[in-house]
N, C-alpha and C. Protein backbone atom coordinates (compact mmCIF):
# COMPACT_ATOMS: atom_id res chain seq x y z
N MET A 1 10.56 -29.67 38.28
CA MET A 1 10.84 -29.46 36.89
C MET A 1 9.42 -29.23 36.19
N ARG A 2 8.52 -30.00 36.64
CA ARG A 2 7.03 -29.63 35.88
C ARG A 2 6.74 -28.22 35.79
N ILE A 3 6.62 -27.49 37.08
CA ILE A 3 6.42 -26.28 37.17
C ILE A 3 7.13 -25.33 36.30
N ALA A 4 8.60 -25.79 36.38
CA ALA A 4 9.49 -24.97 35.23
C ALA A 4 8.97 -24.99 33.78
N ARG A 5 8.57 -26.09 33.72
CA ARG A 5 8.23 -26.42 32.05
C ARG A 5 7.15 -25.74 31.82
N MET A 6 6.11 -25.85 32.79
CA MET A 6 4.80 -25.15 32.49
C MET A 6 4.98 -23.52 32.41
N GLY A 7 5.95 -23.08 33.09
CA GLY A 7 5.97 -21.65 33.33
C GLY A 7 6.74 -21.16 31.85
N ALA A 8 7.57 -22.09 31.37
CA ALA A 8 8.37 -21.74 30.12
C ALA A 8 7.29 -22.01 28.96
N GLY A 9 6.71 -23.01 29.30
CA GLY A 9 5.71 -23.06 28.20
C GLY A 9 4.70 -21.87 27.89
N PHE A 10 4.31 -21.58 29.09
CA PHE A 10 3.28 -20.52 29.11
C PHE A 10 3.99 -19.19 28.36
N VAL A 11 5.11 -18.79 28.98
CA VAL A 11 5.98 -17.52 28.50
C VAL A 11 6.09 -17.63 27.22
N LEU A 12 6.55 -18.74 26.60
CA LEU A 12 6.96 -19.05 25.12
C LEU A 12 5.70 -18.93 24.31
N ALA A 13 4.58 -19.45 24.76
CA ALA A 13 3.41 -19.42 24.09
C ALA A 13 2.85 -17.96 23.87
N VAL A 14 2.82 -17.26 25.21
CA VAL A 14 2.65 -15.85 25.05
C VAL A 14 3.34 -14.93 23.81
N ILE A 15 4.67 -15.39 24.02
CA ILE A 15 5.57 -14.65 22.99
C ILE A 15 5.30 -14.93 21.82
N VAL A 16 4.98 -16.09 21.31
CA VAL A 16 4.82 -16.61 19.96
C VAL A 16 3.76 -15.93 19.51
N THR A 17 2.50 -15.97 20.38
CA THR A 17 1.27 -15.40 19.85
C THR A 17 1.41 -13.98 19.70
N THR A 18 1.86 -13.40 20.75
CA THR A 18 2.13 -11.89 20.60
C THR A 18 2.99 -11.62 19.24
N VAL A 19 3.97 -12.24 19.14
CA VAL A 19 4.73 -11.92 17.58
C VAL A 19 3.98 -12.26 16.43
N LEU A 20 3.41 -13.15 16.53
CA LEU A 20 2.46 -13.54 15.35
C LEU A 20 1.46 -12.78 15.19
N GLY A 21 0.77 -12.31 16.26
CA GLY A 21 -0.38 -11.36 16.10
C GLY A 21 -0.05 -9.90 15.79
N ALA A 22 0.96 -9.56 16.19
CA ALA A 22 1.50 -8.36 15.68
C ALA A 22 1.94 -8.07 14.36
N ILE A 23 2.65 -9.33 13.95
CA ILE A 23 2.90 -9.36 12.53
C ILE A 23 1.84 -9.47 11.64
N ALA A 24 0.68 -10.07 12.10
CA ALA A 24 -0.47 -10.24 11.27
C ALA A 24 -1.20 -8.89 11.19
N HIS A 25 -1.26 -8.13 12.12
CA HIS A 25 -2.00 -6.92 12.49
C HIS A 25 -1.27 -6.04 11.45
N THR A 26 0.24 -5.77 11.65
CA THR A 26 0.96 -4.80 10.79
C THR A 26 0.63 -5.24 9.34
N GLN A 27 0.62 -6.28 8.83
CA GLN A 27 0.55 -6.88 7.33
C GLN A 27 -1.04 -6.54 7.04
N PHE A 28 -1.82 -6.80 7.84
CA PHE A 28 -3.35 -6.51 7.37
C PHE A 28 -3.37 -4.83 7.20
N VAL A 29 -2.87 -3.99 8.35
CA VAL A 29 -2.90 -2.79 7.98
C VAL A 29 -2.28 -2.17 6.70
N LEU A 30 -0.93 -2.71 6.55
CA LEU A 30 -0.34 -2.32 5.42
C LEU A 30 -1.03 -2.82 3.87
N ALA A 31 -1.60 -3.81 4.03
CA ALA A 31 -2.51 -4.12 2.75
C ALA A 31 -3.70 -3.44 2.59
N GLU A 32 -4.28 -2.76 3.74
CA GLU A 32 -5.40 -1.72 3.57
C GLU A 32 -4.67 -0.48 2.71
N LEU A 33 -3.37 -0.06 3.30
CA LEU A 33 -3.02 1.14 2.67
C LEU A 33 -2.67 1.03 1.08
N THR A 34 -2.13 0.00 0.94
CA THR A 34 -1.82 -0.49 -0.46
C THR A 34 -3.14 -0.49 -1.23
N GLY A 35 -4.11 -1.22 -0.68
CA GLY A 35 -5.63 -1.29 -1.64
C GLY A 35 -5.89 0.44 -1.69
N LEU A 36 -5.34 1.26 -1.06
CA LEU A 36 -5.69 2.65 -1.38
C LEU A 36 -4.95 3.50 -2.24
N GLY A 37 -3.91 2.51 -2.80
CA GLY A 37 -3.12 2.87 -3.84
C GLY A 37 -1.62 3.48 -3.43
N ILE A 38 -1.35 3.25 -2.12
CA ILE A 38 -0.10 3.66 -1.36
C ILE A 38 1.12 2.70 -1.56
N GLU A 39 2.04 2.96 -2.05
CA GLU A 39 3.06 1.90 -2.38
C GLU A 39 3.98 1.76 -1.30
N ILE A 40 4.34 0.44 -0.78
CA ILE A 40 5.01 0.04 0.46
C ILE A 40 6.07 -0.67 0.19
N PRO A 41 7.14 -0.31 0.16
CA PRO A 41 8.51 -0.97 -0.34
C PRO A 41 8.65 -2.17 0.87
N VAL A 42 9.29 -3.25 0.27
CA VAL A 42 9.47 -4.37 1.41
C VAL A 42 10.23 -3.84 2.73
N SER A 43 11.34 -3.11 2.21
CA SER A 43 11.96 -2.44 3.52
C SER A 43 11.19 -1.79 4.49
N ASP A 44 10.08 -1.01 4.06
CA ASP A 44 9.24 -0.24 5.06
C ASP A 44 8.36 -1.18 5.66
N ARG A 45 8.03 -2.38 4.98
CA ARG A 45 7.14 -3.31 5.74
C ARG A 45 7.81 -3.96 6.53
N LEU A 46 9.16 -4.52 6.36
CA LEU A 46 9.89 -4.88 7.48
C LEU A 46 9.94 -4.22 8.58
N SER A 47 10.34 -2.90 8.51
CA SER A 47 10.71 -2.16 9.78
C SER A 47 9.48 -1.67 10.57
N THR A 48 8.28 -1.49 9.52
CA THR A 48 7.15 -1.38 10.45
C THR A 48 6.76 -2.39 11.07
N THR A 49 7.05 -3.52 10.48
CA THR A 49 6.70 -4.95 11.35
C THR A 49 7.31 -4.78 12.47
N VAL A 50 8.84 -4.76 12.65
CA VAL A 50 9.50 -4.96 13.76
C VAL A 50 9.23 -3.68 14.74
N GLN A 51 9.12 -2.58 14.20
CA GLN A 51 8.48 -1.23 15.05
C GLN A 51 7.11 -1.67 15.85
N ASP A 52 6.16 -2.44 15.04
CA ASP A 52 4.99 -2.80 15.80
C ASP A 52 5.09 -3.97 16.58
N ILE A 53 6.03 -4.70 16.60
CA ILE A 53 6.22 -5.92 17.39
C ILE A 53 6.65 -5.19 18.81
N ALA A 54 7.87 -4.58 18.58
CA ALA A 54 8.07 -3.62 19.84
C ALA A 54 7.14 -2.67 20.57
N GLY A 55 6.50 -1.84 19.66
CA GLY A 55 5.62 -0.99 20.23
C GLY A 55 4.34 -1.52 21.06
N MET A 56 3.67 -2.46 20.20
CA MET A 56 2.18 -2.89 20.71
C MET A 56 2.63 -4.14 21.53
N GLY A 57 3.85 -4.86 21.59
CA GLY A 57 4.26 -6.23 22.14
C GLY A 57 3.94 -6.21 23.50
N PRO A 58 4.24 -5.20 24.32
CA PRO A 58 4.14 -5.16 25.87
C PRO A 58 2.69 -5.41 26.29
N MET A 59 1.71 -4.54 25.55
CA MET A 59 0.41 -4.20 26.30
C MET A 59 -0.23 -5.59 25.43
N PHE A 60 -0.04 -5.63 24.23
CA PHE A 60 -0.73 -6.83 23.50
C PHE A 60 -0.30 -8.03 24.30
N GLY A 61 0.81 -8.36 24.44
CA GLY A 61 1.33 -9.50 25.28
C GLY A 61 0.90 -9.61 26.72
N MET A 62 0.54 -8.66 27.24
CA MET A 62 -0.16 -8.76 28.49
C MET A 62 -1.69 -9.20 28.42
N ILE A 63 -2.27 -8.56 27.53
CA ILE A 63 -3.68 -9.09 27.11
C ILE A 63 -3.70 -10.57 26.86
N ILE A 64 -2.71 -11.02 25.82
CA ILE A 64 -2.42 -12.26 25.67
C ILE A 64 -2.24 -13.09 26.99
N ALA A 65 -1.35 -12.87 27.73
CA ALA A 65 -1.05 -13.60 28.86
C ALA A 65 -2.44 -13.77 29.54
N ILE A 66 -3.04 -12.68 30.05
CA ILE A 66 -4.33 -12.75 30.80
C ILE A 66 -5.30 -13.82 30.19
N ALA A 67 -5.38 -13.73 28.90
CA ALA A 67 -6.63 -14.68 28.10
C ALA A 67 -6.12 -16.19 27.98
N PHE A 68 -4.49 -16.08 27.95
CA PHE A 68 -3.99 -17.50 28.02
C PHE A 68 -3.94 -18.16 29.48
N LEU A 69 -3.89 -17.39 30.54
CA LEU A 69 -4.14 -17.99 31.88
C LEU A 69 -5.14 -18.51 32.00
N ILE A 70 -6.43 -18.07 31.70
CA ILE A 70 -7.90 -18.63 31.85
C ILE A 70 -7.75 -19.50 30.86
N ALA A 71 -7.62 -19.24 29.47
CA ALA A 71 -7.56 -20.51 28.55
C ALA A 71 -6.86 -21.85 28.81
N MET A 72 -5.58 -21.65 29.07
CA MET A 72 -4.69 -22.82 29.41
C MET A 72 -4.91 -23.57 30.62
N SER A 73 -5.60 -22.92 31.54
CA SER A 73 -6.02 -23.49 32.80
C SER A 73 -7.36 -24.33 32.61
N ALA A 74 -8.25 -23.66 31.64
CA ALA A 74 -9.40 -24.44 31.17
C ALA A 74 -9.39 -25.43 30.53
N ALA A 75 -8.25 -25.29 29.63
CA ALA A 75 -7.82 -26.45 28.49
C ALA A 75 -6.91 -27.74 29.44
N ALA A 76 -6.54 -27.41 30.20
CA ALA A 76 -5.74 -28.21 31.18
C ALA A 76 -6.94 -29.22 31.99
N LEU A 77 -7.96 -28.57 32.19
CA LEU A 77 -9.08 -29.36 32.86
C LEU A 77 -9.71 -30.13 31.97
N VAL A 78 -9.96 -29.63 30.74
CA VAL A 78 -10.70 -30.25 29.59
C VAL A 78 -9.86 -31.60 29.44
N TYR A 79 -8.44 -31.51 29.00
CA TYR A 79 -7.49 -32.49 28.81
C TYR A 79 -7.63 -33.55 29.83
N ARG A 80 -7.65 -33.16 31.11
CA ARG A 80 -7.64 -33.94 32.10
C ARG A 80 -8.90 -34.94 32.08
N LEU A 81 -10.02 -34.35 31.88
CA LEU A 81 -11.36 -35.11 31.89
C LEU A 81 -11.27 -35.93 30.52
N ALA A 82 -10.73 -35.52 29.39
CA ALA A 82 -10.96 -36.00 28.25
C ALA A 82 -9.77 -36.91 27.91
N GLY A 83 -8.71 -36.81 28.43
CA GLY A 83 -7.36 -37.67 28.20
C GLY A 83 -6.87 -37.73 26.94
N THR A 84 -7.36 -37.10 26.09
CA THR A 84 -7.00 -37.42 24.65
C THR A 84 -7.10 -35.90 23.89
N GLN A 85 -6.16 -36.01 22.57
CA GLN A 85 -6.34 -34.98 21.74
C GLN A 85 -5.84 -33.57 22.55
N ARG A 86 -4.71 -33.91 22.99
CA ARG A 86 -4.01 -32.76 23.64
C ARG A 86 -3.81 -31.38 22.83
N TYR A 87 -2.94 -31.70 21.73
CA TYR A 87 -2.81 -30.70 20.77
C TYR A 87 -4.08 -29.91 20.17
N LEU A 88 -5.29 -30.59 20.04
CA LEU A 88 -6.45 -30.07 19.57
C LEU A 88 -7.02 -29.25 20.82
N VAL A 89 -6.97 -29.51 21.80
CA VAL A 89 -7.63 -29.26 22.97
C VAL A 89 -6.68 -27.57 23.25
N TYR A 90 -5.56 -27.58 23.33
CA TYR A 90 -4.70 -26.62 23.64
C TYR A 90 -4.62 -25.49 22.44
N GLY A 91 -4.76 -26.08 21.18
CA GLY A 91 -4.83 -25.37 20.03
C GLY A 91 -6.02 -24.30 19.94
N VAL A 92 -7.03 -25.35 20.31
CA VAL A 92 -8.58 -24.44 20.29
C VAL A 92 -8.83 -23.49 21.28
N ALA A 93 -7.96 -23.96 22.43
CA ALA A 93 -8.05 -22.99 23.71
C ALA A 93 -7.34 -21.55 23.50
N GLY A 94 -6.17 -21.76 22.80
CA GLY A 94 -5.64 -20.47 22.31
C GLY A 94 -6.10 -19.63 21.38
N ALA A 95 -7.05 -20.30 20.27
CA ALA A 95 -7.64 -19.74 19.22
C ALA A 95 -8.88 -19.00 19.97
N VAL A 96 -9.66 -19.62 20.62
CA VAL A 96 -10.74 -19.02 21.54
C VAL A 96 -10.00 -17.89 22.51
N ALA A 97 -9.01 -18.24 23.14
CA ALA A 97 -8.37 -17.11 24.04
C ALA A 97 -8.26 -15.85 23.22
N LEU A 98 -7.60 -15.58 21.98
CA LEU A 98 -7.31 -14.48 21.27
C LEU A 98 -8.88 -14.21 20.72
N GLY A 99 -9.80 -14.89 20.21
CA GLY A 99 -11.06 -14.38 20.03
C GLY A 99 -11.85 -13.54 20.89
N VAL A 100 -11.82 -14.33 22.11
CA VAL A 100 -12.64 -13.68 23.39
C VAL A 100 -12.01 -12.22 23.69
N ALA A 101 -10.67 -12.37 23.74
CA ALA A 101 -9.97 -11.04 24.24
C ALA A 101 -10.34 -10.04 23.23
N LEU A 102 -10.17 -10.04 21.89
CA LEU A 102 -10.36 -9.25 20.80
C LEU A 102 -12.01 -8.62 21.11
N VAL A 103 -12.82 -9.63 21.38
CA VAL A 103 -14.13 -9.19 21.38
C VAL A 103 -14.44 -8.45 22.68
N ALA A 104 -13.69 -9.02 23.76
CA ALA A 104 -14.05 -8.00 25.01
C ALA A 104 -13.41 -6.82 25.01
N MET A 105 -12.24 -6.81 24.31
CA MET A 105 -11.76 -5.23 23.86
C MET A 105 -12.68 -4.12 23.25
N ARG A 106 -13.40 -4.90 22.29
CA ARG A 106 -14.36 -4.38 21.39
C ARG A 106 -15.39 -3.91 22.16
N ILE A 107 -16.24 -4.51 22.92
CA ILE A 107 -17.01 -4.26 24.04
C ILE A 107 -16.64 -3.41 24.99
N VAL A 108 -15.58 -3.50 25.54
CA VAL A 108 -15.16 -2.36 26.60
C VAL A 108 -14.81 -1.27 26.27
N LEU A 109 -13.95 -1.00 25.00
CA LEU A 109 -13.37 0.03 24.51
C LEU A 109 -14.37 0.65 23.56
N ASP A 110 -15.33 0.06 22.91
CA ASP A 110 -16.10 0.28 21.70
C ASP A 110 -15.50 0.65 20.56
N ILE A 111 -14.10 -0.06 20.39
CA ILE A 111 -13.39 -0.10 19.05
C ILE A 111 -12.60 -1.38 19.17
N THR A 112 -12.18 -1.74 18.01
CA THR A 112 -11.14 -2.88 17.98
C THR A 112 -9.72 -2.28 17.95
N PRO A 113 -9.14 -2.14 19.17
CA PRO A 113 -7.57 -1.81 19.18
C PRO A 113 -6.67 -2.21 18.05
N ILE A 114 -7.00 -3.38 17.90
CA ILE A 114 -6.05 -4.37 16.91
C ILE A 114 -6.63 -4.00 15.63
N ALA A 115 -6.28 -3.06 14.60
CA ALA A 115 -6.60 -2.78 13.66
C ALA A 115 -6.68 -3.79 12.49
N GLY A 116 -5.65 -4.78 12.74
CA GLY A 116 -5.56 -5.75 11.82
C GLY A 116 -6.63 -6.86 11.94
N ALA A 117 -7.50 -6.56 13.00
CA ALA A 117 -8.46 -7.70 13.35
C ALA A 117 -9.78 -7.06 13.07
N ARG A 118 -9.84 -5.89 12.59
CA ARG A 118 -11.28 -5.50 12.31
C ARG A 118 -11.82 -6.07 10.95
N THR A 119 -11.24 -6.79 10.23
CA THR A 119 -11.94 -7.58 9.17
C THR A 119 -12.01 -8.99 9.85
N MET A 120 -13.15 -9.64 9.06
CA MET A 120 -13.10 -11.13 9.51
C MET A 120 -12.07 -12.04 9.16
N MET A 121 -11.28 -11.69 8.31
CA MET A 121 -10.29 -12.38 7.76
C MET A 121 -9.16 -11.95 8.80
N GLY A 122 -8.91 -10.93 9.20
CA GLY A 122 -7.87 -10.38 10.30
C GLY A 122 -8.23 -10.92 11.66
N PHE A 123 -9.21 -11.03 12.05
CA PHE A 123 -10.02 -11.65 13.37
C PHE A 123 -9.59 -13.15 13.00
N ILE A 124 -9.81 -13.91 12.04
CA ILE A 124 -9.38 -15.43 12.07
C ILE A 124 -8.05 -15.33 11.96
N VAL A 125 -7.12 -14.66 11.47
CA VAL A 125 -5.47 -14.62 11.39
C VAL A 125 -5.32 -14.48 12.92
N GLN A 126 -5.96 -13.66 13.62
CA GLN A 126 -5.52 -13.39 15.02
C GLN A 126 -5.61 -14.58 15.75
N MET A 127 -6.75 -15.23 15.53
CA MET A 127 -7.19 -16.34 16.18
C MET A 127 -6.30 -17.83 15.99
N ILE A 128 -5.63 -17.68 14.60
CA ILE A 128 -4.79 -18.72 14.18
C ILE A 128 -3.42 -18.44 14.76
N ALA A 129 -2.99 -17.04 15.24
CA ALA A 129 -1.92 -16.82 15.92
C ALA A 129 -2.29 -17.65 17.34
N GLY A 130 -3.42 -17.31 17.83
CA GLY A 130 -3.55 -17.79 19.14
C GLY A 130 -3.60 -19.53 19.34
N ALA A 131 -4.00 -20.08 18.09
CA ALA A 131 -3.95 -21.58 18.03
C ALA A 131 -2.50 -22.00 18.07
N VAL A 132 -1.79 -21.11 17.34
CA VAL A 132 -0.21 -21.60 17.34
C VAL A 132 0.36 -21.55 18.73
N GLY A 133 0.04 -20.51 19.41
CA GLY A 133 0.55 -20.49 20.74
C GLY A 133 -0.04 -21.49 21.66
N GLY A 134 -1.31 -21.81 21.44
CA GLY A 134 -1.69 -23.11 22.10
C GLY A 134 -1.16 -24.21 21.80
N LEU A 135 -0.60 -24.44 20.62
CA LEU A 135 0.19 -25.61 20.21
C LEU A 135 1.43 -25.48 20.79
N THR A 136 2.07 -24.25 20.92
CA THR A 136 3.34 -23.97 21.44
C THR A 136 3.47 -24.51 22.94
N PHE A 137 2.49 -24.24 23.52
CA PHE A 137 2.03 -24.48 25.07
C PHE A 137 2.16 -26.11 24.99
N ALA A 138 1.31 -26.81 24.35
CA ALA A 138 1.10 -28.06 24.52
C ALA A 138 2.31 -28.92 24.33
N ARG A 139 3.15 -28.34 23.21
CA ARG A 139 4.30 -29.27 22.67
C ARG A 139 5.48 -28.98 24.08
N VAL A 140 5.63 -27.72 24.47
CA VAL A 140 6.60 -27.52 25.38
C VAL A 140 6.17 -28.11 26.78
N THR A 141 4.97 -28.29 27.12
CA THR A 141 4.67 -28.82 28.39
C THR A 141 4.54 -30.00 28.41
N ARG A 142 4.51 -30.63 27.28
CA ARG A 142 4.27 -32.12 27.05
C ARG A 142 5.16 -33.23 27.91
């Protein structure tokens, strides 16, 4: 039962992070376009967001899954040693996982493929999505 809960928690955390990260990416890109004077109706914002979740979800989700596999394993060790602050440990692990994944993609690809993370605020919001994923994992696996 514990292994099933761990697996379900991991999958749910990756999905939550992927969806939140994709939403943030889309909204940051659309905000930049709006800043250039392009009007974007709410219906276009919504349809673009759904298309981005579907389009970037599989690859972004795979990257997040790899980052979370490492981060949640490390967080489990930290929590086991510390024995306290479960939500803090897993939340920070999720945030760091996203931050490291974005920086690694920047180094390897020489670009930031998640356009919504090219600004400091966009990068921070991506890390917040990772933190929410880490908190999701902590909650489900509790």
